[in-house]
């Protein structure tokens, strides 16, 4: 499918923001055209830092059905930031295939740029299977059977640093039978490590230092979190993260409009900067006009899951209130929170109506979850009766999806707005663009990495000065690149935090002018030993600094001697940011 997105700001509701820089959310895009009008539901999605160009989405998919239901895992792939998509089936090895292959899952590894998809084949010869997408590939490696078994249910996966070794990757799958681990990018698997208690919706997440966390619901009133410090060989004692006010079973949907089940799974994410944990779930707040009011709640932990805050309600609503449910949470490389969920607020309806009306929403927090802004993604409320299935009860899946990669956000969701279920996304972007890459163009790098240029903190890219070959060149210099969301910005504001331990020196900022193919000096001043924040605003002909072919922007920041170069000084580069106005 070739479908190019054009940027527009969707209607947003917010609270507590003053002059906040909010994501820009693009229009709705269908990403599974190969499905036609067949049933589809239950999404998962993943993308990778820092570019966010590669995205995978998955779903249960009925396109192969004839007289009987045949379910496959559909995989949707984009390698150009969501502009174009292809979709196809990924199946287990031939010996493990069946007529029901579902409960899809995804994982990402930012270190290597690798993406995975997987699911369960529901048969005696079935079980968990996984396939890997190598960086830049349009297809997946042959599927690997993790374990042949019957009775597997509700799997999720995660990847991240190995314990104590950020230069190695571990991949994990958690489900009702335990947790599997792989040290070779999913080619072979070891386990399973038994679950700490009975439950369902076992969700693994990996912390910045290789800590493995798993959140789950115990079929009753509690959500639990456990941690492994040895890469999934053992669990520490489980900790109750939250206690529900209302409890219902996995097959129960009576608290919601419609005739489909709504199992109360939780979602959890880890802040990649400081390791903070965020757990979001949905629960009944109260009864209004005889109808249960279900809301989203969040609890957090700053001590690796040992203690948790009192849960707080985080969603907006209407009067009378609707229900918010099926949340999925991710935290980006800046520590910003992104949440996708389903919502019934836009149509006043009772819990016992057979056909419920729903919308899909995306919610954002730039202040650690203290305040939120929400975006309605669907143009109109859709009907749960249009599930594409001929069953006594409706079925719309059991969970929702959202992926983040670099400056980009991809909620992936099911909507029946066209009379049958389809899979959609809205490509969103943080307009305060952090760098996608950088190189040292003069000097020797002695500290820092790309993440050092993302936030204003004490982590810096440090470049020791070297004598240049020409007096016109810098002694300590970096060049950084980023991909814009528009080739025709009306305004660009470039911010750099810079320091220099040597004097005399001049700090110079240059942006690459694609119109004439030359670097253009946009700021120059005396260097200082402490951080100096330089803000450059381009309000006229800003598009000259954007490559029209790929929307790339380049900046060069250098320290220039005004005398003899001394090799014992260095340039220090902290936060770089392009704030782009469409």
Protein backbone atom coordinates (compact mmCIF):
# COMPACT_ATOMS: atom_id res chain seq x y z
CA UNK A 1 0.00 0.00 0.00
CA UNK A 2 1.38 3.39 -0.96
CA UNK A 3 -0.11 6.03 1.26
CA UNK A 4 1.70 9.23 2.13
CA UNK A 5 0.78 11.10 5.26
CA UNK A 6 0.30 14.84 5.50
CA UNK A 7 0.56 16.63 8.79
CA UNK A 8 -2.32 18.20 10.61
CA UNK A 9 -2.90 18.86 14.28
CA UNK A 10 -5.74 16.72 15.59
CA UNK A 11 -8.08 18.03 18.23
CA UNK A 12 -6.44 17.69 21.63
CA UNK A 13 -7.58 18.08 25.22
CA UNK A 14 -5.03 19.00 27.85
CA UNK A 15 -4.72 20.03 31.46
CA UNK A 16 -1.89 21.72 33.30
CA UNK A 17 0.19 22.71 30.27
CA UNK A 18 1.49 26.23 29.82
CA UNK A 19 3.40 26.76 26.59
CA UNK A 20 3.92 23.01 26.34
CA UNK A 21 5.44 21.51 23.21
CA UNK A 22 2.92 18.85 22.23
CA UNK A 23 3.18 16.05 19.70
CA UNK A 24 1.81 16.66 16.23
CA UNK A 25 -0.52 13.83 15.27
CA UNK A 26 -1.02 12.97 11.63
CA UNK A 27 -4.18 11.65 9.98
CA UNK A 28 -5.39 8.09 10.20
CA UNK A 29 -3.70 5.52 7.93
CA UNK A 30 -4.89 1.98 7.32
CA UNK A 31 -1.88 -0.35 7.49
CA UNK A 32 -3.37 -3.79 6.65
CA UNK A 33 -4.86 -3.43 3.13
CA UNK A 34 -4.12 -7.07 2.34
CA UNK A 35 -6.74 -8.09 4.88
CA UNK A 36 -9.58 -6.77 2.72
CA UNK A 37 -12.81 -6.91 4.72
CA UNK A 38 -11.88 -9.88 6.90
CA UNK A 39 -11.86 -9.79 10.68
CA UNK A 40 -8.78 -8.53 12.50
CA UNK A 41 -8.03 -7.47 16.08
CA UNK A 42 -5.59 -7.63 19.01
CA UNK A 43 -2.63 -5.47 18.01
CA UNK A 44 0.98 -5.24 19.06
CA UNK A 45 3.62 -2.85 17.68
CA UNK A 46 7.30 -1.95 17.97
CA UNK A 47 9.78 0.57 16.55
CA UNK A 48 13.43 1.41 17.22
CA UNK A 49 15.57 4.36 18.27
CA UNK A 50 16.99 6.67 17.17
CA UNK A 51 15.51 7.05 13.68
CA UNK A 52 12.06 5.56 14.21
CA UNK A 53 11.91 4.70 10.50
CA UNK A 54 11.24 0.99 10.99
CA UNK A 55 7.94 -0.12 12.52
CA UNK A 56 6.19 -3.46 12.81
CA UNK A 57 2.58 -4.00 13.78
CA UNK A 58 0.75 -7.28 14.30
CA UNK A 59 -2.80 -8.56 14.64
CA UNK A 60 -4.99 -11.63 14.70
CA UNK A 61 -6.07 -11.97 11.06
CA UNK A 62 -8.95 -13.96 9.50
CA UNK A 63 -8.28 -13.32 5.78
CA UNK A 64 -7.56 -17.03 5.13
CA UNK A 65 -10.93 -18.14 6.50
CA UNK A 66 -13.48 -19.95 4.36
CA UNK A 67 -16.35 -21.95 5.82
CA UNK A 68 -14.52 -22.15 9.14
CA UNK A 69 -12.41 -19.64 11.00
CA UNK A 70 -8.70 -19.69 10.21
CA UNK A 71 -6.58 -17.28 12.23
CA UNK A 72 -3.07 -16.19 11.31
CA UNK A 73 -0.69 -13.57 12.67
CA UNK A 74 -0.70 -10.63 10.28
CA UNK A 75 2.44 -8.49 10.27
CA UNK A 76 2.48 -4.91 8.98
CA UNK A 77 5.89 -3.41 8.13
CA UNK A 78 7.04 0.10 7.30
CA UNK A 79 10.68 1.06 6.76
CA UNK A 80 10.01 4.71 5.92
CA UNK A 81 8.48 6.10 9.09
CA UNK A 82 4.93 5.00 8.36
CA UNK A 83 4.60 6.54 4.90
CA UNK A 84 4.13 3.17 3.16
CA UNK A 85 3.19 -0.26 4.53
CA UNK A 86 3.18 -3.88 3.46
CA UNK A 87 1.31 -6.64 5.29
CA UNK A 88 1.61 -10.42 5.21
CA UNK A 89 1.40 -13.50 7.42
CA UNK A 90 4.23 -14.80 9.57
CA UNK A 91 3.68 -18.42 10.57
CA UNK A 92 5.43 -20.95 12.80
CA UNK A 93 7.62 -23.73 11.35
CA UNK A 94 5.60 -26.16 9.21
CA UNK A 95 5.52 -28.85 11.90
CA UNK A 96 3.90 -26.44 14.35
CA UNK A 97 1.29 -24.77 12.16
CA UNK A 98 -2.43 -24.90 12.92
CA UNK A 99 -5.71 -23.23 12.04
CA UNK A 100 -5.42 -20.86 14.99
CA UNK A 101 -2.19 -18.85 15.26
CA UNK A 102 -2.72 -15.72 17.31
CA UNK A 103 -2.08 -13.65 20.43
CA UNK A 104 0.59 -11.67 18.54
CA UNK A 105 3.52 -9.98 20.27
CA UNK A 106 6.43 -7.72 19.27
CA UNK A 107 9.77 -6.61 20.68
CA UNK A 108 12.51 -4.13 19.80
CA UNK A 109 16.22 -3.75 20.55
CA UNK A 110 17.48 -0.19 20.18
CA UNK A 111 21.12 -1.25 20.49
CA UNK A 112 21.09 -3.35 17.31
CA UNK A 113 18.01 -2.03 15.50
CA UNK A 114 16.40 -5.48 15.54
CA UNK A 115 12.64 -6.12 15.66
CA UNK A 116 10.78 -9.33 16.48
CA UNK A 117 7.25 -10.65 16.08
CA UNK A 118 5.75 -13.79 17.55
CA UNK A 119 2.54 -15.55 18.52
CA UNK A 120 1.07 -18.86 19.69
CA UNK A 121 -0.04 -21.77 17.55
CA UNK A 122 -3.04 -23.16 19.44
CA UNK A 123 -2.71 -26.91 18.84
CA UNK A 124 -1.15 -29.97 20.45
CA UNK A 125 1.79 -29.55 18.07
CA UNK A 126 1.77 -25.77 18.54
CA UNK A 127 3.19 -23.37 21.09
CA UNK A 128 5.27 -20.20 21.04
CA UNK A 129 7.03 -19.09 17.86
CA UNK A 130 9.16 -16.04 17.02
CA UNK A 131 10.58 -14.42 13.87
CA UNK A 132 13.30 -11.76 13.66
CA UNK A 133 13.50 -8.75 11.33
CA UNK A 134 17.07 -7.59 10.81
CA UNK A 135 17.73 -3.84 10.47
CA UNK A 136 16.54 -2.48 7.13
CA UNK A 137 14.97 -5.75 5.99
CA UNK A 138 11.47 -5.89 4.54
CA UNK A 139 10.96 -9.53 5.51
CA UNK A 140 11.62 -11.74 8.51
CA UNK A 141 14.04 -14.56 9.13
CA UNK A 142 12.48 -18.06 9.28
CA UNK A 143 10.36 -18.54 12.38
CA UNK A 144 11.83 -20.31 15.39
CA UNK A 145 9.70 -22.55 17.58
CA UNK A 146 10.41 -21.59 21.18
CA UNK A 147 8.54 -24.56 22.61
CA UNK A 148 6.13 -27.16 21.24
CA UNK A 149 3.19 -27.50 23.61
CA UNK A 150 -0.54 -27.11 24.01
CA UNK A 151 -2.17 -24.83 26.55
CA UNK A 152 0.00 -21.77 25.96
CA UNK A 153 -1.88 -18.48 26.40
CA UNK A 154 -1.34 -14.71 26.30
CA UNK A 155 2.31 -14.14 25.47
CA UNK A 156 4.27 -10.90 25.39
CA UNK A 157 7.94 -10.31 24.70
CA UNK A 158 10.69 -7.76 25.36
CA UNK A 159 14.35 -7.19 24.55
CA UNK A 160 17.08 -5.08 26.07
CA UNK A 161 20.47 -5.04 27.71
CA UNK A 162 21.89 -8.16 29.29
CA UNK A 163 22.32 -7.89 33.07
CA UNK A 164 25.30 -5.66 33.73
CA UNK A 165 26.31 -5.56 30.05
CA UNK A 166 24.71 -2.89 27.87
CA UNK A 167 26.72 -4.16 24.88
CA UNK A 168 24.79 -7.45 24.76
CA UNK A 169 21.10 -8.16 24.14
CA UNK A 170 18.68 -10.50 25.85
CA UNK A 171 15.23 -11.36 24.50
CA UNK A 172 12.43 -12.58 26.77
CA UNK A 173 8.96 -14.09 26.32
CA UNK A 174 6.52 -14.33 29.22
CA UNK A 175 3.21 -16.21 29.17
CA UNK A 176 1.05 -18.44 31.35
CA UNK A 177 3.73 -21.17 31.53
CA UNK A 178 6.68 -18.98 32.53
CA UNK A 179 9.44 -16.86 30.97
CA UNK A 180 11.84 -17.89 28.21
CA UNK A 181 15.14 -16.17 27.49
CA UNK A 182 17.46 -15.94 24.50
CA UNK A 183 21.07 -14.75 24.40
CA UNK A 184 21.48 -15.05 20.60
CA UNK A 185 18.83 -12.67 19.26
CA UNK A 186 16.03 -15.23 19.36
CA UNK A 187 17.69 -18.12 17.53
CA UNK A 188 17.68 -20.45 20.55
CA UNK A 189 15.77 -20.28 23.81
CA UNK A 190 16.28 -21.42 27.39
CA UNK A 191 13.69 -21.87 30.12
CA UNK A 192 11.05 -21.48 31.14
CA UNK A 193 11.48 -19.76 34.49
CA UNK A 194 8.25 -20.52 36.36
CA UNK A 195 5.82 -17.72 37.12
CA UNK A 196 5.76 -16.61 40.77
CA UNK A 197 2.03 -17.38 41.04
CA UNK A 198 -1.00 -18.06 38.89
CA UNK A 199 -2.19 -15.24 36.68
CA UNK A 200 -2.46 -14.01 33.13
CA UNK A 201 -1.19 -11.14 31.00
CA UNK A 202 2.45 -11.67 31.96
CA UNK A 203 4.29 -8.67 30.49
CA UNK A 204 8.13 -8.54 30.49
CA UNK A 205 10.07 -5.27 30.34
CA UNK A 206 13.82 -4.62 30.47
CA UNK A 207 15.42 -1.80 32.47
CA UNK A 208 18.42 0.31 31.39
CA UNK A 209 20.91 -1.88 33.28
CA UNK A 210 19.48 -5.20 32.16
CA UNK A 211 16.96 -5.65 34.97
CA UNK A 212 14.08 -7.87 33.85
CA UNK A 213 10.64 -6.93 35.17
CA UNK A 214 7.35 -8.74 34.72
CA UNK A 215 3.88 -7.39 35.53
CA UNK A 216 0.73 -9.50 35.62
CA UNK A 217 -2.84 -9.82 36.90
CA UNK A 218 -3.60 -12.63 39.35
CA UNK A 219 -7.20 -13.25 38.15
CA UNK A 220 -8.40 -11.47 41.29
CA UNK A 221 -7.86 -8.07 42.86
CA UNK A 222 -4.13 -7.58 42.42
CA UNK A 223 -1.49 -6.55 39.92
CA UNK A 224 1.97 -7.88 40.75
CA UNK A 225 5.47 -6.98 39.60
CA UNK A 226 8.55 -9.17 39.93
CA UNK A 227 12.19 -8.45 39.08
CA UNK A 228 15.04 -10.65 37.95
CA UNK A 229 18.61 -9.42 38.35
CA UNK A 230 20.21 -12.42 36.65
CA UNK A 231 18.62 -12.36 33.21
CA UNK A 232 15.59 -14.51 33.89
CA UNK A 233 17.25 -17.29 35.89
CA UNK A 234 15.34 -16.43 39.07
CA UNK A 235 12.75 -13.99 40.41
CA UNK A 236 13.00 -11.79 43.46
CA UNK A 237 9.92 -11.84 45.73
CA UNK A 238 6.86 -10.46 43.98
CA UNK A 239 5.48 -7.04 45.00
CA UNK A 240 1.86 -5.92 44.82
CA UNK A 241 1.79 -2.83 42.58
CA UNK A 242 -1.94 -2.10 42.80
CA UNK A 243 -5.19 -3.49 44.21
CA UNK A 244 -8.34 -3.30 42.15
CA UNK A 245 -11.56 -1.75 43.43
CA UNK A 246 -13.63 -3.95 41.12
CA UNK A 247 -12.92 -7.44 39.83
CA UNK A 248 -14.25 -9.37 36.86
CA UNK A 249 -13.15 -12.42 34.91
CA UNK A 250 -11.35 -12.84 31.60
CA UNK A 251 -14.56 -13.56 29.66
CA UNK A 252 -16.61 -10.78 31.25
CA UNK A 253 -17.50 -7.58 29.42
CA UNK A 254 -20.58 -6.62 31.42
CA UNK A 255 -19.09 -3.35 32.69
CA UNK A 256 -18.84 -2.00 29.16
CA UNK A 257 -21.18 -1.33 26.25
CA UNK A 258 -21.11 -4.15 23.71
CA UNK A 259 -21.13 -7.92 23.84
CA UNK A 260 -17.41 -8.74 23.97
CA UNK A 261 -14.98 -9.74 26.69
CA UNK A 262 -12.67 -7.18 28.32
CA UNK A 263 -9.99 -8.90 30.43
CA UNK A 264 -8.43 -6.31 32.78
CA UNK A 265 -4.78 -6.64 31.75
CA UNK A 266 -2.28 -4.03 32.89
CA UNK A 267 0.51 -2.41 30.90
CA UNK A 268 3.93 -1.40 32.21
CA UNK A 269 6.89 0.58 30.86
CA UNK A 270 10.39 1.46 32.06
CA UNK A 271 11.97 4.90 31.77
CA UNK A 272 15.19 4.26 29.78
CA UNK A 273 16.94 7.20 31.47
CA UNK A 274 16.45 6.55 35.18
CA UNK A 275 14.76 3.14 35.34
CA UNK A 276 11.50 4.43 36.81
CA UNK A 277 8.56 2.03 36.41
CA UNK A 278 5.05 3.00 35.31
CA UNK A 279 2.09 0.61 35.54
CA UNK A 280 -1.29 1.52 34.01
CA UNK A 281 -4.53 -0.44 34.37
CA UNK A 282 -8.29 0.15 34.14
CA UNK A 283 -10.76 -0.18 36.99
CA UNK A 284 -14.27 0.87 38.02
CA UNK A 285 -14.18 4.27 39.73
CA UNK A 286 -17.86 4.59 40.63
CA UNK A 287 -21.39 4.05 39.36
CA UNK A 288 -23.03 6.98 37.56
CA UNK A 289 -26.73 6.81 36.61
CA UNK A 290 -26.62 3.07 37.17
CA UNK A 291 -23.65 2.56 34.82
CA UNK A 292 -20.14 1.59 35.87
CA UNK A 293 -17.55 4.27 35.15
CA UNK A 294 -14.27 2.58 34.19
CA UNK A 295 -11.12 4.74 34.17
CA UNK A 296 -7.37 4.46 33.65
CA UNK A 297 -5.10 4.44 36.71
CA UNK A 298 -1.34 4.75 37.01
CA UNK A 299 1.09 3.80 39.77
CA UNK A 300 4.87 4.26 39.67
CA UNK A 301 8.01 2.97 41.35
CA UNK A 302 11.41 4.64 41.68
CA UNK A 303 13.13 1.83 43.60
CA UNK A 304 13.12 -0.95 41.00
CA UNK A 305 9.64 -2.14 41.88
CA UNK A 306 10.04 -2.49 45.64
CA UNK A 307 7.41 0.12 46.51
CA UNK A 308 4.62 1.73 44.48
CA UNK A 309 2.72 5.00 44.69
CA UNK A 310 -0.99 5.23 45.37
CA UNK A 311 -2.71 4.78 41.98
CA UNK A 312 -4.14 7.94 40.45
CA UNK A 313 -6.72 8.38 37.71
CA UNK A 314 -5.11 9.83 34.57
CA UNK A 315 -7.75 10.00 31.81
CA UNK A 316 -10.14 12.69 30.68
CA UNK A 317 -13.85 11.92 30.30
CA UNK A 318 -17.30 13.27 29.43
CA UNK A 319 -20.47 13.94 31.43
CA UNK A 320 -21.94 11.39 31.85
CA UNK A 321 -18.64 9.52 31.82
CA UNK A 322 -17.64 6.81 29.38
CA UNK A 323 -15.22 3.93 29.85
CA UNK A 324 -11.48 3.98 29.14
CA UNK A 325 -9.76 0.61 28.76
CA UNK A 326 -7.20 -1.54 26.88
CA UNK A 327 -4.25 0.81 27.59
CA UNK A 328 -0.75 0.38 26.19
CA UNK A 329 2.13 2.49 27.54
CA UNK A 330 5.62 3.33 26.23
CA UNK A 331 8.33 5.74 27.45
CA UNK A 332 10.59 7.42 24.89
CA UNK A 333 14.29 8.31 25.10
CA UNK A 334 13.45 11.72 26.61
CA UNK A 335 11.41 10.11 29.38
CA UNK A 336 8.10 11.25 27.89
CA UNK A 337 5.05 9.00 28.32
CA UNK A 338 2.83 7.81 25.46
CA UNK A 339 -0.42 5.90 25.99
CA UNK A 340 -3.01 4.42 23.60
CA UNK A 341 -6.44 3.22 24.74
CA UNK A 342 -10.09 2.61 23.81
CA UNK A 343 -12.87 4.96 24.90
CA UNK A 344 -16.69 4.98 24.91
CA UNK A 345 -17.28 8.58 26.06
CA UNK A 346 -18.44 10.09 22.76
CA UNK A 347 -21.76 8.21 22.69
CA UNK A 348 -24.04 8.14 25.74
CA UNK A 349 -24.83 4.44 26.18
CA UNK A 350 -25.61 1.89 28.85
CA UNK A 351 -23.36 -0.96 29.91
CA UNK A 352 -25.94 -3.55 28.83
CA UNK A 353 -26.38 -2.46 25.21
CA UNK A 354 -25.48 -5.22 22.75
CA UNK A 355 -23.63 -2.98 20.32
CA UNK A 356 -21.17 -0.56 21.88
CA UNK A 357 -19.76 2.56 20.23
CA UNK A 358 -16.07 3.33 20.74
CA UNK A 359 -13.15 5.53 19.75
CA UNK A 360 -9.39 5.16 19.90
CA UNK A 361 -7.29 7.72 21.75
CA UNK A 362 -3.63 8.63 22.21
CA UNK A 363 -2.45 10.43 25.35
CA UNK A 364 0.89 12.15 26.04
CA UNK A 365 2.70 13.40 29.14
CA UNK A 366 5.89 15.44 29.05
CA UNK A 367 6.16 15.84 32.83
CA UNK A 368 6.41 12.28 34.11
CA UNK A 369 2.67 11.67 34.16
CA UNK A 370 1.68 14.65 36.29
CA UNK A 371 -0.38 16.15 33.45
CA UNK A 372 -1.59 14.71 30.16
CA UNK A 373 -2.80 15.79 26.73
CA UNK A 374 -5.07 13.54 24.71
CA UNK A 375 -5.86 13.15 21.01
CA UNK A 376 -8.89 11.45 19.52
CA UNK A 377 -7.61 9.27 16.67
CA UNK A 378 -10.77 7.91 15.07
CA UNK A 379 -12.90 10.30 12.97
CA UNK A 380 -16.16 8.75 14.19
CA UNK A 381 -17.20 6.31 16.88
CA UNK A 382 -17.27 2.71 15.63
CA UNK A 383 -19.64 -0.18 16.35
CA UNK A 384 -18.51 -3.29 18.23
CA UNK A 385 -21.03 -5.37 16.28
CA UNK A 386 -18.91 -5.00 13.14
CA UNK A 387 -16.27 -7.44 14.35
CA UNK A 388 -16.35 -9.44 11.09
CA UNK A 389 -17.14 -12.70 12.90
CA UNK A 390 -20.17 -14.98 13.09
CA UNK A 391 -20.13 -15.82 16.78
CA UNK A 392 -22.68 -15.70 19.58
CA UNK A 393 -20.54 -13.08 21.31
CA UNK A 394 -18.56 -10.29 19.72
CA UNK A 395 -14.76 -10.54 19.79
CA UNK A 396 -12.46 -7.52 19.39
CA UNK A 397 -9.26 -8.89 20.90
CA UNK A 398 -7.83 -8.41 24.36
CA UNK A 399 -5.26 -5.63 24.06
CA UNK A 400 -4.07 -2.54 22.21
CA UNK A 401 -0.74 -1.25 20.85
CA UNK A 402 1.62 1.71 20.60
CA UNK A 403 5.27 1.99 19.52
CA UNK A 404 7.87 4.74 19.92
CA UNK A 405 11.08 5.18 17.95
CA UNK A 406 13.28 8.25 18.23
CA UNK A 407 11.09 11.33 17.79
CA UNK A 408 8.17 9.30 16.42
CA UNK A 409 5.09 7.70 17.98
CA UNK A 410 2.86 5.06 16.38
CA UNK A 411 -0.42 4.06 18.06
CA UNK A 412 -1.66 0.90 16.30
CA UNK A 413 -5.28 -0.05 16.81
CA UNK A 414 -8.41 -1.77 15.50
CA UNK A 415 -11.42 0.24 14.34
CA UNK A 416 -14.63 -0.91 12.62
CA UNK A 417 -15.44 2.58 11.31
CA UNK A 418 -15.69 1.27 7.73
CA UNK A 419 -18.21 -1.44 8.64
CA UNK A 420 -15.57 -4.10 9.30
CA UNK A 421 -12.46 -4.25 11.49
CA UNK A 422 -9.28 -2.76 10.04
CA UNK A 423 -5.88 -1.90 11.52
CA UNK A 424 -4.85 1.76 11.62
CA UNK A 425 -2.15 4.07 12.85
CA UNK A 426 -1.71 7.82 13.16
CA UNK A 427 1.93 8.80 12.79
CA UNK A 428 2.75 11.28 15.54
CA UNK A 429 5.95 13.25 16.08
CA UNK A 430 7.55 15.21 18.88
CA UNK A 431 8.28 18.52 17.07
CA UNK A 432 11.15 19.25 19.48
CA UNK A 433 13.38 16.93 17.50
CA UNK A 434 16.34 15.31 19.24
CA UNK A 435 19.29 14.19 17.08
CA UNK A 436 19.12 10.98 15.08
CA UNK A 437 22.91 10.72 14.80
CA UNK A 438 26.17 12.61 15.21
CA UNK A 439 29.82 12.35 14.18
CA UNK A 440 32.96 14.04 15.46
CA UNK A 441 34.36 16.06 12.55
CA UNK A 442 37.36 17.54 14.38
CA UNK A 443 39.09 16.43 17.56
CA UNK A 444 38.96 13.17 19.51
CA UNK A 445 35.86 12.01 21.35
CA UNK A 446 36.61 11.09 24.95
CA UNK A 447 33.11 10.85 26.43
CA UNK A 448 29.38 10.69 25.83
CA UNK A 449 27.11 9.16 23.20
CA UNK A 450 24.01 10.04 21.20
CA UNK A 451 21.79 9.97 24.29
CA UNK A 452 24.04 12.68 25.80
CA UNK A 453 22.71 15.08 23.14
CA UNK A 454 19.03 14.30 23.85
CA UNK A 455 18.57 15.83 27.31
CA UNK A 456 19.93 18.75 29.30
CA UNK A 457 21.86 16.93 32.01
CA UNK A 458 25.38 16.19 33.19
CA UNK A 459 26.03 13.68 30.41
CA UNK A 460 27.87 15.34 27.53
CA UNK A 461 29.68 14.48 24.34
CA UNK A 462 33.26 15.50 25.10
CA UNK A 463 35.66 16.18 22.22
CA UNK A 464 39.31 16.91 22.93
CA UNK A 465 40.70 19.64 20.68
CA UNK A 466 43.20 18.91 17.92
CA UNK A 467 45.13 21.32 15.75
CA UNK A 468 43.12 21.87 12.52
CA UNK A 469 44.68 21.72 9.07
CA UNK A 470 43.47 25.24 8.36
CA UNK A 471 42.87 28.30 10.51
CA UNK A 472 39.32 28.42 9.16
CA UNK A 473 38.50 25.02 10.66
CA UNK A 474 37.42 24.15 14.18
CA UNK A 475 39.62 22.44 16.74
CA UNK A 476 36.72 20.60 18.42
CA UNK A 477 33.57 19.99 16.39
CA UNK A 478 30.59 17.67 15.93
CA UNK A 479 28.00 17.34 13.19
CA UNK A 480 24.48 16.14 13.98
CA UNK A 481 21.57 15.07 11.79
CA UNK A 482 17.83 14.73 12.31
CA UNK A 483 14.82 13.89 10.14
CA UNK A 484 12.09 16.52 10.02
CA UNK A 485 8.40 15.69 9.67
CA UNK A 486 7.97 18.37 7.00
CA UNK A 487 10.11 19.59 4.11
CA UNK A 488 8.53 23.05 4.24
CA UNK A 489 8.71 24.36 7.81
CA UNK A 490 7.58 27.89 8.48
CA UNK A 491 10.05 28.19 11.35
CA UNK A 492 13.01 26.32 12.83
CA UNK A 493 14.36 26.98 16.30
CA UNK A 494 17.70 25.29 16.92
CA UNK A 495 18.97 25.00 20.50
CA UNK A 496 22.41 23.87 21.63
CA UNK A 497 24.00 23.66 25.06
CA UNK A 498 27.76 24.08 24.67
CA UNK A 499 30.83 24.59 26.85
CA UNK A 500 34.55 24.89 26.17
CA UNK A 501 37.38 24.41 28.66
CA UNK A 502 39.90 26.26 26.50
CA UNK A 503 40.33 29.97 25.87
CA UNK A 504 40.51 31.97 23.77
CA UNK A 505 37.99 30.23 21.48
CA UNK A 506 34.85 31.03 19.55
CA UNK A 507 31.73 28.86 19.48
CA UNK A 508 30.20 28.61 16.03
CA UNK A 509 26.89 27.04 14.99
CA UNK A 510 26.28 26.27 11.32
CA UNK A 511 23.25 24.80 9.58
CA UNK A 512 23.54 23.14 6.20
CA UNK A 513 21.80 25.11 3.45
CA UNK A 514 20.44 22.61 0.93
CA UNK A 515 19.52 25.38 -1.51
CA UNK A 516 23.15 26.27 -2.22
CA UNK A 517 24.88 23.18 -0.83
CA UNK A 518 26.93 25.13 1.73
CA UNK A 519 27.19 25.50 5.49
CA UNK A 520 25.65 28.71 6.79
CA UNK A 521 26.84 30.34 10.01
CA UNK A 522 23.78 31.14 12.15
CA UNK A 523 25.50 32.02 15.44
CA UNK A 524 29.01 32.80 16.67
CA UNK A 525 30.16 33.98 20.09
CA UNK A 526 32.94 33.67 22.68
CA UNK A 527 33.24 30.27 24.30
CA UNK A 528 32.60 29.83 28.02
CA UNK A 529 33.72 27.08 30.41
CA UNK A 530 30.19 26.57 31.73
CA UNK A 531 27.19 25.48 29.67
CA UNK A 532 25.88 28.19 27.38
CA UNK A 533 22.43 27.70 25.88
CA UNK A 534 22.29 29.12 22.38
CA UNK A 535 18.91 29.48 20.66
CA UNK A 536 18.83 30.26 16.94
CA UNK A 537 15.50 31.06 15.30
CA UNK A 538 15.04 30.78 11.54
CA UNK A 539 11.78 32.49 10.66
CA UNK A 540 12.45 33.31 7.01
CA UNK A 541 12.90 30.70 4.28
CA UNK A 542 13.42 27.98 6.88
CA UNK A 543 12.95 25.26 4.26
CA UNK A 544 16.44 25.95 2.89
CA UNK A 545 17.77 23.95 5.83
CA UNK A 546 15.69 20.84 4.99
CA UNK A 547 16.57 18.28 2.34
CA UNK A 548 13.42 18.00 0.22
CA UNK A 549 14.23 14.40 -0.75
CA UNK A 550 14.44 12.86 2.74
CA UNK A 551 13.61 15.77 5.10
CA UNK A 552 17.09 15.59 6.67
CA UNK A 553 18.53 18.56 8.60
CA UNK A 554 22.18 18.97 9.59
CA UNK A 555 23.90 21.12 12.20
CA UNK A 556 27.60 21.65 12.87
CA UNK A 557 28.81 22.99 16.22
CA UNK A 558 32.48 23.82 16.62
CA UNK A 559 35.04 25.51 18.85
CA UNK A 560 37.43 27.71 16.86
CA UNK A 561 40.79 28.87 18.20
CA UNK A 562 41.69 32.53 18.11
CA UNK A 563 45.30 31.67 18.75
CA UNK A 564 47.51 28.62 19.06
CA UNK A 565 45.67 25.34 19.65
CA UNK A 566 46.36 23.78 23.03
CA UNK A 567 45.68 20.04 23.04
CA UNK A 568 44.63 19.95 26.69
CA UNK A 569 41.25 21.60 26.21
CA UNK A 570 37.96 20.19 25.03
CA UNK A 571 34.55 21.07 23.68
CA UNK A 572 31.55 19.80 25.61
CA UNK A 573 28.24 19.32 23.84
CA UNK A 574 24.98 18.73 25.69
CA UNK A 575 21.38 19.00 24.45
CA UNK A 576 20.75 19.64 20.75
CA UNK A 577 17.20 20.29 19.56
CA UNK A 578 15.39 21.33 16.40
CA UNK A 579 11.95 22.75 17.21
CA UNK A 580 10.11 22.66 13.89
CA UNK A 581 6.90 24.55 13.13
CA UNK A 582 4.95 23.26 10.09
